[in-house]
Amino acid sequence: MKDAESLDLSVIALAALKEIYDDIKATFKSGEQMRAVKLALRRKVDVLTILPIGGGKSLVFQLPAWMEKDLTTVVIVPFVALAEEMKDRCINMRLSFYV
């Protein structure tokens, strides 16, 4: 994805990241995180993201959901505690949700 579309998505995603956190210095935690967000935004393939604990996996679905509020994002989590954490994050990001 090294083309004009990729560059546009990089700029758009970074701007949204800065806006969602209300921090002009906000950046992606890694290149892998940014690539996964861009793949999610393209909506052409399913995305499986493997990152370490604290690597920013949640942002891979949260940022596109925040940017494209008119679409539906389905997230399946394996633990009740994690579902509660995701619910809190959705509240903080002003995203509608259903658990």
N, C-alpha and C. Protein backbone atom coordinates (compact mmCIF):
# COMPACT_ATOMS: atom_id res chain seq x y z
N MET A 1 0.85 -1.18 0.00
CA MET A 1 0.00 0.00 0.00
C MET A 1 0.89 1.25 0.00
N LYS A 2 1.81 1.32 -0.92
CA LYS A 2 2.71 2.47 -1.01
C LYS A 2 2.30 3.34 -2.18
N ASP A 3 1.20 4.03 -2.05
CA ASP A 3 0.71 4.86 -3.13
C ASP A 3 0.02 6.09 -2.55
N ALA A 4 -0.61 6.86 -3.40
CA ALA A 4 -1.28 8.09 -2.96
C ALA A 4 -2.39 7.78 -1.96
N GLU A 5 -3.12 6.69 -2.18
CA GLU A 5 -4.19 6.31 -1.24
C GLU A 5 -3.61 6.04 0.15
N SER A 6 -2.49 5.36 0.20
CA SER A 6 -1.85 5.05 1.47
C SER A 6 -1.40 6.32 2.19
N LEU A 7 -0.83 7.24 1.43
CA LEU A 7 -0.39 8.51 2.01
C LEU A 7 -1.59 9.30 2.53
N ASP A 8 -2.66 9.34 1.73
CA ASP A 8 -3.87 10.04 2.17
C ASP A 8 -4.42 9.43 3.45
N LEU A 9 -4.47 8.09 3.51
CA LEU A 9 -4.97 7.43 4.71
C LEU A 9 -4.07 7.69 5.91
N SER A 10 -2.77 7.76 5.68
CA SER A 10 -1.84 8.06 6.77
C SER A 10 -2.12 9.43 7.35
N VAL A 11 -2.29 10.40 6.49
CA VAL A 11 -2.55 11.78 6.93
C VAL A 11 -3.89 11.87 7.64
N ILE A 12 -4.92 11.24 7.06
CA ILE A 12 -6.26 11.28 7.64
C ILE A 12 -6.27 10.57 8.99
N ALA A 13 -5.65 9.40 9.07
CA ALA A 13 -5.64 8.63 10.31
C ALA A 13 -4.87 9.36 11.41
N LEU A 14 -3.74 9.95 11.05
CA LEU A 14 -2.96 10.68 12.06
C LEU A 14 -3.73 11.90 12.55
N ALA A 15 -4.39 12.60 11.66
CA ALA A 15 -5.19 13.76 12.07
C ALA A 15 -6.32 13.32 13.01
N ALA A 16 -6.97 12.20 12.69
CA ALA A 16 -8.04 11.69 13.55
C ALA A 16 -7.49 11.27 14.91
N LEU A 17 -6.32 10.65 14.91
CA LEU A 17 -5.69 10.24 16.17
C LEU A 17 -5.43 11.43 17.07
N LYS A 18 -4.91 12.49 16.49
CA LYS A 18 -4.64 13.71 17.26
C LYS A 18 -5.95 14.31 17.79
N GLU A 19 -7.01 14.23 16.97
CA GLU A 19 -8.30 14.78 17.38
C GLU A 19 -8.97 13.93 18.47
N ILE A 20 -8.91 12.62 18.32
CA ILE A 20 -9.58 11.75 19.28
C ILE A 20 -8.96 11.87 20.67
N TYR A 21 -7.65 12.08 20.72
CA TYR A 21 -6.97 12.23 22.00
C TYR A 21 -6.80 13.69 22.40
N ASP A 22 -7.25 14.60 21.54
CA ASP A 22 -7.10 16.03 21.79
C ASP A 22 -5.65 16.37 22.15
N ASP A 23 -4.73 15.87 21.31
CA ASP A 23 -3.30 16.02 21.56
C ASP A 23 -2.58 16.15 20.22
N ILE A 24 -2.08 17.34 19.94
CA ILE A 24 -1.41 17.56 18.64
C ILE A 24 -0.11 16.77 18.51
N LYS A 25 0.39 16.23 19.63
CA LYS A 25 1.63 15.45 19.59
C LYS A 25 1.37 13.94 19.52
N ALA A 26 0.11 13.54 19.49
CA ALA A 26 -0.22 12.11 19.47
C ALA A 26 0.35 11.45 18.21
N THR A 27 0.86 10.26 18.38
CA THR A 27 1.39 9.47 17.26
C THR A 27 0.97 8.01 17.45
N PHE A 28 1.09 7.25 16.40
CA PHE A 28 0.85 5.82 16.51
C PHE A 28 1.98 5.19 17.30
N LYS A 29 1.68 4.11 18.00
CA LYS A 29 2.69 3.44 18.82
C LYS A 29 3.73 2.72 17.97
N SER A 30 3.33 2.31 16.77
CA SER A 30 4.26 1.59 15.90
C SER A 30 3.77 1.67 14.46
N GLY A 31 4.66 1.35 13.56
CA GLY A 31 4.29 1.29 12.15
C GLY A 31 3.26 0.20 11.90
N GLU A 32 3.37 -0.90 12.64
CA GLU A 32 2.41 -2.00 12.49
C GLU A 32 1.01 -1.55 12.90
N GLN A 33 0.91 -0.77 13.98
CA GLN A 33 -0.38 -0.27 14.41
C GLN A 33 -0.97 0.65 13.34
N MET A 34 -0.16 1.53 12.80
CA MET A 34 -0.65 2.44 11.77
C MET A 34 -1.09 1.66 10.52
N ARG A 35 -0.33 0.66 10.11
CA ARG A 35 -0.70 -0.13 8.94
C ARG A 35 -2.03 -0.86 9.17
N ALA A 36 -2.22 -1.38 10.37
CA ALA A 36 -3.47 -2.09 10.68
C ALA A 36 -4.65 -1.13 10.64
N VAL A 37 -4.48 0.08 11.17
CA VAL A 37 -5.55 1.09 11.13
C VAL A 37 -5.89 1.42 9.68
N LYS A 38 -4.87 1.61 8.86
CA LYS A 38 -5.11 1.95 7.46
C LYS A 38 -5.82 0.81 6.72
N LEU A 39 -5.45 -0.43 7.01
CA LEU A 39 -6.14 -1.56 6.40
C LEU A 39 -7.60 -1.60 6.83
N ALA A 40 -7.86 -1.32 8.10
CA ALA A 40 -9.25 -1.29 8.59
C ALA A 40 -10.04 -0.18 7.90
N LEU A 41 -9.40 0.95 7.69
CA LEU A 41 -10.07 2.08 7.04
C LEU A 41 -10.38 1.79 5.57
N ARG A 42 -9.54 1.02 4.93
CA ARG A 42 -9.77 0.70 3.51
C ARG A 42 -10.97 -0.21 3.33
N ARG A 43 -11.27 -1.04 4.32
CA ARG A 43 -12.43 -1.94 4.30
C ARG A 43 -12.44 -2.88 3.11
N LYS A 44 -11.27 -3.35 2.68
CA LYS A 44 -11.21 -4.27 1.54
C LYS A 44 -10.84 -5.69 1.95
N VAL A 45 -10.26 -5.84 3.13
CA VAL A 45 -9.86 -7.15 3.63
C VAL A 45 -10.15 -7.22 5.13
N ASP A 46 -10.28 -8.44 5.64
CA ASP A 46 -10.36 -8.63 7.08
C ASP A 46 -8.97 -8.39 7.65
N VAL A 47 -8.92 -7.91 8.89
CA VAL A 47 -7.63 -7.58 9.50
C VAL A 47 -7.47 -8.36 10.79
N LEU A 48 -6.38 -9.09 10.91
CA LEU A 48 -5.99 -9.76 12.15
C LEU A 48 -4.72 -9.05 12.61
N THR A 49 -4.78 -8.45 13.78
CA THR A 49 -3.65 -7.68 14.27
C THR A 49 -3.07 -8.34 15.51
N ILE A 50 -1.80 -8.65 15.45
CA ILE A 50 -1.10 -9.23 16.60
C ILE A 50 -0.03 -8.24 17.02
N LEU A 51 -0.25 -7.66 18.18
CA LEU A 51 0.70 -6.71 18.76
C LEU A 51 0.89 -7.09 20.22
N PRO A 52 1.99 -6.66 20.83
CA PRO A 52 2.20 -6.99 22.24
C PRO A 52 1.19 -6.27 23.14
N ILE A 53 1.13 -6.70 24.39
CA ILE A 53 0.30 -6.02 25.38
C ILE A 53 0.74 -4.56 25.41
N GLY A 54 -0.24 -3.67 25.32
CA GLY A 54 0.06 -2.24 25.30
C GLY A 54 0.49 -1.73 23.94
N GLY A 55 0.39 -2.59 22.92
CA GLY A 55 0.83 -2.21 21.58
C GLY A 55 -0.18 -1.42 20.78
N GLY A 56 -1.39 -1.28 21.32
CA GLY A 56 -2.39 -0.46 20.64
C GLY A 56 -3.37 -1.20 19.76
N LYS A 57 -3.67 -2.46 20.11
CA LYS A 57 -4.61 -3.24 19.30
C LYS A 57 -6.00 -2.61 19.30
N SER A 58 -6.45 -2.11 20.44
CA SER A 58 -7.81 -1.54 20.53
C SER A 58 -7.99 -0.37 19.58
N LEU A 59 -6.96 0.42 19.40
CA LEU A 59 -7.07 1.58 18.51
C LEU A 59 -7.33 1.17 17.07
N VAL A 60 -6.93 -0.06 16.71
CA VAL A 60 -7.11 -0.53 15.34
C VAL A 60 -8.60 -0.58 14.97
N PHE A 61 -9.48 -0.85 15.93
CA PHE A 61 -10.90 -0.80 15.61
C PHE A 61 -11.55 0.49 16.12
N GLN A 62 -11.01 1.07 17.19
CA GLN A 62 -11.64 2.26 17.76
C GLN A 62 -11.49 3.49 16.87
N LEU A 63 -10.34 3.69 16.31
CA LEU A 63 -10.13 4.88 15.48
C LEU A 63 -11.01 4.84 14.23
N PRO A 64 -11.04 3.73 13.46
CA PRO A 64 -11.96 3.70 12.32
C PRO A 64 -13.42 3.85 12.74
N ALA A 65 -13.80 3.24 13.87
CA ALA A 65 -15.19 3.37 14.35
C ALA A 65 -15.49 4.82 14.69
N TRP A 66 -14.54 5.50 15.28
CA TRP A 66 -14.71 6.91 15.65
C TRP A 66 -14.79 7.79 14.40
N MET A 67 -13.97 7.46 13.40
CA MET A 67 -13.93 8.25 12.17
C MET A 67 -15.17 8.02 11.31
N GLU A 68 -15.71 6.81 11.34
CA GLU A 68 -16.81 6.43 10.45
C GLU A 68 -18.03 6.04 11.29
N LYS A 69 -18.54 6.99 12.02
CA LYS A 69 -19.62 6.72 12.98
C LYS A 69 -20.91 6.24 12.31
N ASP A 70 -21.06 6.45 11.02
CA ASP A 70 -22.28 6.00 10.34
C ASP A 70 -22.22 4.51 9.98
N LEU A 71 -21.07 3.86 10.20
CA LEU A 71 -20.93 2.43 9.93
C LEU A 71 -21.00 1.65 11.25
N THR A 72 -21.15 0.35 11.14
CA THR A 72 -21.19 -0.50 12.33
C THR A 72 -19.90 -1.29 12.44
N THR A 73 -19.33 -1.30 13.63
CA THR A 73 -18.12 -2.06 13.91
C THR A 73 -18.50 -3.13 14.92
N VAL A 74 -18.16 -4.38 14.64
CA VAL A 74 -18.43 -5.48 15.56
C VAL A 74 -17.10 -5.93 16.16
N VAL A 75 -17.06 -5.97 17.48
CA VAL A 75 -15.85 -6.39 18.19
C VAL A 75 -16.22 -7.54 19.11
N ILE A 76 -15.51 -8.63 19.00
CA ILE A 76 -15.74 -9.79 19.86
C ILE A 76 -14.55 -9.90 20.81
N VAL A 77 -14.86 -9.90 22.10
CA VAL A 77 -13.79 -10.00 23.11
C VAL A 77 -14.02 -11.25 23.95
N PRO A 78 -12.95 -11.90 24.40
CA PRO A 78 -13.09 -13.19 25.08
C PRO A 78 -13.40 -13.13 26.58
N PHE A 79 -13.36 -11.96 27.19
CA PHE A 79 -13.55 -11.87 28.64
C PHE A 79 -14.54 -10.77 28.99
N VAL A 80 -15.35 -11.01 30.02
CA VAL A 80 -16.31 -10.01 30.47
C VAL A 80 -15.59 -8.74 30.91
N ALA A 81 -14.49 -8.89 31.63
CA ALA A 81 -13.74 -7.72 32.10
C ALA A 81 -13.25 -6.88 30.93
N LEU A 82 -12.82 -7.52 29.87
CA LEU A 82 -12.35 -6.80 28.69
C LEU A 82 -13.52 -6.09 28.00
N ALA A 83 -14.68 -6.73 27.98
CA ALA A 83 -15.87 -6.09 27.40
C ALA A 83 -16.23 -4.85 28.19
N GLU A 84 -16.12 -4.90 29.50
CA GLU A 84 -16.39 -3.73 30.34
C GLU A 84 -15.38 -2.62 30.07
N GLU A 85 -14.12 -3.00 29.89
CA GLU A 85 -13.09 -2.01 29.57
C GLU A 85 -13.36 -1.35 28.22
N MET A 86 -13.76 -2.16 27.23
CA MET A 86 -14.08 -1.62 25.91
C MET A 86 -15.29 -0.69 26.00
N LYS A 87 -16.27 -1.04 26.82
CA LYS A 87 -17.45 -0.19 27.02
C LYS A 87 -17.02 1.17 27.57
N ASP A 88 -16.15 1.16 28.57
CA ASP A 88 -15.66 2.42 29.14
C ASP A 88 -14.92 3.25 28.10
N ARG A 89 -14.13 2.59 27.28
CA ARG A 89 -13.40 3.31 26.23
C ARG A 89 -14.35 3.93 25.21
N CYS A 90 -15.39 3.19 24.87
CA CYS A 90 -16.40 3.72 23.93
C CYS A 90 -17.08 4.96 24.52
N ILE A 91 -17.40 4.89 25.79
CA ILE A 91 -18.01 6.04 26.46
C ILE A 91 -17.07 7.24 26.38
N ASN A 92 -15.80 7.02 26.68
CA ASN A 92 -14.82 8.12 26.64
C ASN A 92 -14.64 8.69 25.25
N MET A 93 -14.81 7.86 24.22
CA MET A 93 -14.64 8.31 22.83
C MET A 93 -15.96 8.78 22.22
N ARG A 94 -17.01 8.76 23.02
CA ARG A 94 -18.34 9.16 22.56
C ARG A 94 -18.81 8.29 21.39
N LEU A 95 -18.55 6.98 21.50
CA LEU A 95 -19.02 6.01 20.52
C LEU A 95 -20.22 5.28 21.09
N SER A 96 -21.24 5.08 20.27
CA SER A 96 -22.36 4.27 20.74
C SER A 96 -21.91 2.81 20.76
N PHE A 97 -22.55 2.02 21.63
CA PHE A 97 -22.12 0.63 21.78
C PHE A 97 -23.26 -0.21 22.32
N TYR A 98 -23.11 -1.50 22.19
CA TYR A 98 -24.03 -2.45 22.77
C TYR A 98 -23.21 -3.63 23.26
N VAL A 99 -23.41 -4.02 24.50
CA VAL A 99 -22.69 -5.18 25.06
C VAL A 99 -23.67 -6.31 25.23
